[in-house]
């Protein structure tokens, strides 16, 4: 199987969420399997979800 992601999963997740922490943007951690996502403007999902 070809490896598409060269960096580790934790590094990918940290890089994806870094702008939210750097700019101090309000965020919420939700369970998309149980919570409605229609009220959110942006939903970030890890690639392994």
PDB file of N, CA and C in Angstrom:
ATOM      1  N   UNK A   1       0.847  -1.176   0.000  1.00  0.00           N
ATOM      2  CA  UNK A   1       0.000   0.000   0.000  1.00  0.00           C
ATOM      3  C   UNK A   1       0.894   1.242   0.000  1.00  0.00           C
ATOM      4  N   UNK A   2       0.540   2.197  -0.833  1.00  0.00           N
ATOM      5  CA  UNK A   2       1.307   3.431  -0.897  1.00  0.00           C
ATOM      6  C   UNK A   2       1.027   4.295   0.331  1.00  0.00           C
ATOM      7  N   UNK A   3       2.072   4.856   0.870  1.00  0.00           N
ATOM      8  CA  UNK A   3       1.938   5.726   2.043  1.00  0.00           C
ATOM      9  C   UNK A   3       1.725   7.164   1.573  1.00  0.00           C
ATOM     10  N   UNK A   4       0.550   7.713   1.838  1.00  0.00           N
ATOM     11  CA  UNK A   4       0.226   9.062   1.387  1.00  0.00           C
ATOM     12  C   UNK A   4       0.649  10.128   2.392  1.00  0.00           C
ATOM     13  N   UNK A   5       0.603   9.792   3.652  1.00  0.00           N
ATOM     14  CA  UNK A   5       0.964  10.753   4.690  1.00  0.00           C
ATOM     15  C   UNK A   5       2.344  10.404   5.227  1.00  0.00           C
ATOM     16  N   UNK A   6       3.273  11.310   5.077  1.00  0.00           N
ATOM     17  CA  UNK A   6       4.654  11.046   5.493  1.00  0.00           C
ATOM     18  C   UNK A   6       4.900  11.397   6.959  1.00  0.00           C
ATOM     19  N   UNK A   7       4.098  12.279   7.511  1.00  0.00           N
ATOM     20  CA  UNK A   7       4.291  12.663   8.910  1.00  0.00           C
ATOM     21  C   UNK A   7       3.401  11.804   9.801  1.00  0.00           C
ATOM     22  N   UNK A   8       3.739  11.769  11.064  1.00  0.00           N
ATOM     23  CA  UNK A   8       2.961  10.958  12.002  1.00  0.00           C
ATOM     24  C   UNK A   8       1.582  11.581  12.225  1.00  0.00           C
ATOM     25  N   UNK A   9       0.646  10.752  12.644  1.00  0.00           N
ATOM     26  CA  UNK A   9      -0.721  11.234  12.874  1.00  0.00           C
ATOM     27  C   UNK A   9      -0.777  12.352  13.921  1.00  0.00           C
ATOM     28  N   UNK A  10      -0.096  12.213  15.078  1.00  0.00           N
ATOM     29  CA  UNK A  10      -0.143  13.314  16.056  1.00  0.00           C
ATOM     30  C   UNK A  10       0.394  14.627  15.483  1.00  0.00           C
ATOM     31  N   UNK A  11       1.438  14.555  14.666  1.00  0.00           N
ATOM     32  CA  UNK A  11       1.975  15.773  14.055  1.00  0.00           C
ATOM     33  C   UNK A  11       0.976  16.385  13.073  1.00  0.00           C
ATOM     34  N   UNK A  12       0.260  15.547  12.332  1.00  0.00           N
ATOM     35  CA  UNK A  12      -0.762  16.044  11.406  1.00  0.00           C
ATOM     36  C   UNK A  12      -1.881  16.750  12.169  1.00  0.00           C
ATOM     37  N   UNK A  13      -2.337  16.139  13.243  1.00  0.00           N
ATOM     38  CA  UNK A  13      -3.429  16.721  14.027  1.00  0.00           C
ATOM     39  C   UNK A  13      -3.003  18.049  14.650  1.00  0.00           C
ATOM     40  N   UNK A  14      -1.800  18.103  15.183  1.00  0.00           N
ATOM     41  CA  UNK A  14      -1.299  19.353  15.775  1.00  0.00           C
ATOM     42  C   UNK A  14      -1.179  20.447  14.729  1.00  0.00           C
ATOM     43  N   UNK A  15      -0.690  20.111  13.538  1.00  0.00           N
ATOM     44  CA  UNK A  15      -0.539  21.103  12.472  1.00  0.00           C
ATOM     45  C   UNK A  15      -1.896  21.603  11.986  1.00  0.00           C
ATOM     46  N   UNK A  16      -2.883  20.719  11.921  1.00  0.00           N
ATOM     47  CA  UNK A  16      -4.215  21.121  11.467  1.00  0.00           C
ATOM     48  C   UNK A  16      -4.880  22.074  12.450  1.00  0.00           C
ATOM     49  N   UNK A  17      -4.646  21.874  13.729  1.00  0.00           N
ATOM     50  CA  UNK A  17      -5.297  22.687  14.757  1.00  0.00           C
ATOM     51  C   UNK A  17      -4.462  23.877  15.216  1.00  0.00           C
ATOM     52  N   UNK A  18      -3.204  23.963  14.805  1.00  0.00           N
ATOM     53  CA  UNK A  18      -2.304  25.024  15.254  1.00  0.00           C
ATOM     54  C   UNK A  18      -2.853  26.430  15.003  1.00  0.00           C
ATOM     55  N   UNK A  19      -3.407  26.737  13.824  1.00  0.00           N
ATOM     56  CA  UNK A  19      -3.916  28.104  13.618  1.00  0.00           C
ATOM     57  C   UNK A  19      -5.001  28.504  14.614  1.00  0.00           C
ATOM     58  N   UNK A  20      -5.783  27.548  15.072  1.00  0.00           N
ATOM     59  CA  UNK A  20      -6.830  27.863  16.040  1.00  0.00           C
ATOM     60  C   UNK A  20      -6.240  28.273  17.378  1.00  0.00           C
ATOM     61  N   UNK A  21      -5.134  27.658  17.761  1.00  0.00           N
ATOM     62  CA  UNK A  21      -4.488  27.989  19.027  1.00  0.00           C
ATOM     63  C   UNK A  21      -3.644  29.252  18.910  1.00  0.00           C
ATOM     64  N   UNK A  22      -2.944  29.404  17.795  1.00  0.00           N
ATOM     65  CA  UNK A  22      -2.076  30.566  17.601  1.00  0.00           C
ATOM     66  C   UNK A  22      -2.897  31.856  17.585  1.00  0.00           C
ATOM     67  N   UNK A  23      -4.035  31.834  16.896  1.00  0.00           N
ATOM     68  CA  UNK A  23      -4.881  33.021  16.798  1.00  0.00           C
ATOM     69  C   UNK A  23      -5.922  33.105  17.906  1.00  0.00           C
ATOM     70  N   UNK A  24      -5.915  32.138  18.827  1.00  0.00           N
ATOM     71  CA  UNK A  24      -6.831  32.116  19.968  1.00  0.00           C
ATOM     72  C   UNK A  24      -8.297  32.183  19.522  1.00  0.00           C
ATOM     73  N   UNK A  25      -8.658  31.318  18.597  1.00  0.00           N
ATOM     74  CA  UNK A  25     -10.018  31.258  18.064  1.00  0.00           C
ATOM     75  C   UNK A  25     -10.860  30.349  18.957  1.00  0.00           C
ATOM     76  N   UNK A  26     -12.100  30.762  19.224  1.00  0.00           N
ATOM     77  CA  UNK A  26     -13.018  29.926  20.011  1.00  0.00           C
ATOM     78  C   UNK A  26     -13.274  28.610  19.296  1.00  0.00           C
ATOM     79  N   UNK A  27     -13.118  27.519  20.009  1.00  0.00           N
ATOM     80  CA  UNK A  27     -13.331  26.197  19.419  1.00  0.00           C
ATOM     81  C   UNK A  27     -14.152  25.334  20.365  1.00  0.00           C
ATOM     82  N   UNK A  28     -14.672  24.255  19.827  1.00  0.00           N
ATOM     83  CA  UNK A  28     -15.395  23.271  20.625  1.00  0.00           C
ATOM     84  C   UNK A  28     -15.003  21.889  20.126  1.00  0.00           C
ATOM     85  N   UNK A  29     -14.763  20.990  21.043  1.00  0.00           N
ATOM     86  CA  UNK A  29     -14.505  19.598  20.682  1.00  0.00           C
ATOM     87  C   UNK A  29     -15.842  18.877  20.774  1.00  0.00           C
ATOM     88  N   UNK A  30     -16.265  18.302  19.654  1.00  0.00           N
ATOM     89  CA  UNK A  30     -17.579  17.657  19.605  1.00  0.00           C
ATOM     90  C   UNK A  30     -17.440  16.222  19.125  1.00  0.00           C
ATOM     91  N   UNK A  31     -18.455  15.449  19.374  1.00  0.00           N
ATOM     92  CA  UNK A  31     -18.539  14.077  18.862  1.00  0.00           C
ATOM     93  C   UNK A  31     -19.463  14.125  17.655  1.00  0.00           C
ATOM     94  N   UNK A  32     -18.893  14.091  16.443  1.00  0.00           N
ATOM     95  CA  UNK A  32     -19.731  14.261  15.253  1.00  0.00           C
ATOM     96  C   UNK A  32     -20.677  13.094  15.033  1.00  0.00           C
ATOM     97  N   UNK A  33     -20.460  12.006  15.733  1.00  0.00           N
ATOM     98  CA  UNK A  33     -21.386  10.890  15.640  1.00  0.00           C
ATOM     99  C   UNK A  33     -22.675  11.135  16.399  1.00  0.00           C
ATOM    100  N   UNK A  34     -22.649  12.088  17.347  1.00  0.00           N
ATOM    101  CA  UNK A  34     -23.825  12.341  18.176  1.00  0.00           C
ATOM    102  C   UNK A  34     -24.296  13.793  18.157  1.00  0.00           C
ATOM    103  N   UNK A  35     -23.407  14.732  17.848  1.00  0.00           N
ATOM    104  CA  UNK A  35     -23.764  16.150  17.868  1.00  0.00           C
ATOM    105  C   UNK A  35     -24.069  16.651  16.459  1.00  0.00           C
ATOM    106  N   UNK A  36     -25.071  17.499  16.344  1.00  0.00           N
ATOM    107  CA  UNK A  36     -25.385  18.108  15.048  1.00  0.00           C
ATOM    108  C   UNK A  36     -24.282  19.100  14.685  1.00  0.00           C
ATOM    109  N   UNK A  37     -23.834  19.070  13.435  1.00  0.00           N
ATOM    110  CA  UNK A  37     -22.745  19.958  13.019  1.00  0.00           C
ATOM    111  C   UNK A  37     -23.248  21.149  12.210  1.00  0.00           C
ATOM    112  N   UNK A  38     -24.552  21.267  12.005  1.00  0.00           N
ATOM    113  CA  UNK A  38     -25.082  22.341  11.167  1.00  0.00           C
ATOM    114  C   UNK A  38     -24.900  23.730  11.773  1.00  0.00           C
ATOM    115  N   UNK A  39     -24.667  23.839  13.046  1.00  0.00           N
ATOM    116  CA  UNK A  39     -24.485  25.159  13.659  1.00  0.00           C
ATOM    117  C   UNK A  39     -23.037  25.642  13.611  1.00  0.00           C
ATOM    118  N   UNK A  40     -22.125  24.807  13.149  1.00  0.00           N
ATOM    119  CA  UNK A  40     -20.711  25.167  13.077  1.00  0.00           C
ATOM    120  C   UNK A  40     -20.345  25.640  11.679  1.00  0.00           C
ATOM    121  N   UNK A  41     -19.460  26.624  11.602  1.00  0.00           N
ATOM    122  CA  UNK A  41     -19.005  27.131  10.305  1.00  0.00           C
ATOM    123  C   UNK A  41     -17.856  26.304   9.751  1.00  0.00           C
ATOM    124  N   UNK A  42     -17.108  25.663  10.615  1.00  0.00           N
ATOM    125  CA  UNK A  42     -15.949  24.874  10.199  1.00  0.00           C
ATOM    126  C   UNK A  42     -15.843  23.657  11.099  1.00  0.00           C
ATOM    127  N   UNK A  43     -15.673  22.498  10.490  1.00  0.00           N
ATOM    128  CA  UNK A  43     -15.469  21.260  11.235  1.00  0.00           C
ATOM    129  C   UNK A  43     -14.187  20.636  10.707  1.00  0.00           C
ATOM    130  N   UNK A  44     -13.236  20.372  11.590  1.00  0.00           N
ATOM    131  CA  UNK A  44     -11.965  19.757  11.206  1.00  0.00           C
ATOM    132  C   UNK A  44     -11.975  18.317  11.684  1.00  0.00           C
ATOM    133  N   UNK A  45     -11.805  17.397  10.741  1.00  0.00           N
ATOM    134  CA  UNK A  45     -11.778  15.973  11.064  1.00  0.00           C
ATOM    135  C   UNK A  45     -10.393  15.419  10.790  1.00  0.00           C
ATOM    136  N   UNK A  46      -9.870  14.608  11.681  1.00  0.00           N
ATOM    137  CA  UNK A  46      -8.587  13.973  11.412  1.00  0.00           C
ATOM    138  C   UNK A  46      -8.725  12.972  10.268  1.00  0.00           C
ATOM    139  N   UNK A  47      -7.643  12.743   9.564  1.00  0.00           N
ATOM    140  CA  UNK A  47      -7.681  11.858   8.391  1.00  0.00           C
ATOM    141  C   UNK A  47      -7.988  10.417   8.759  1.00  0.00           C
ATOM    142  N   UNK A  48      -7.744  10.030   9.977  1.00  0.00           N
ATOM    143  CA  UNK A  48      -7.962   8.641  10.389  1.00  0.00           C
ATOM    144  C   UNK A  48      -9.375   8.403  10.898  1.00  0.00           C
ATOM    145  N   UNK A  49     -10.253   9.409  10.839  1.00  0.00           N
ATOM    146  CA  UNK A  49     -11.596   9.264  11.387  1.00  0.00           C
ATOM    147  C   UNK A  49     -12.408   8.283  10.579  1.00  0.00           C
TER     148      UNK A  49
END
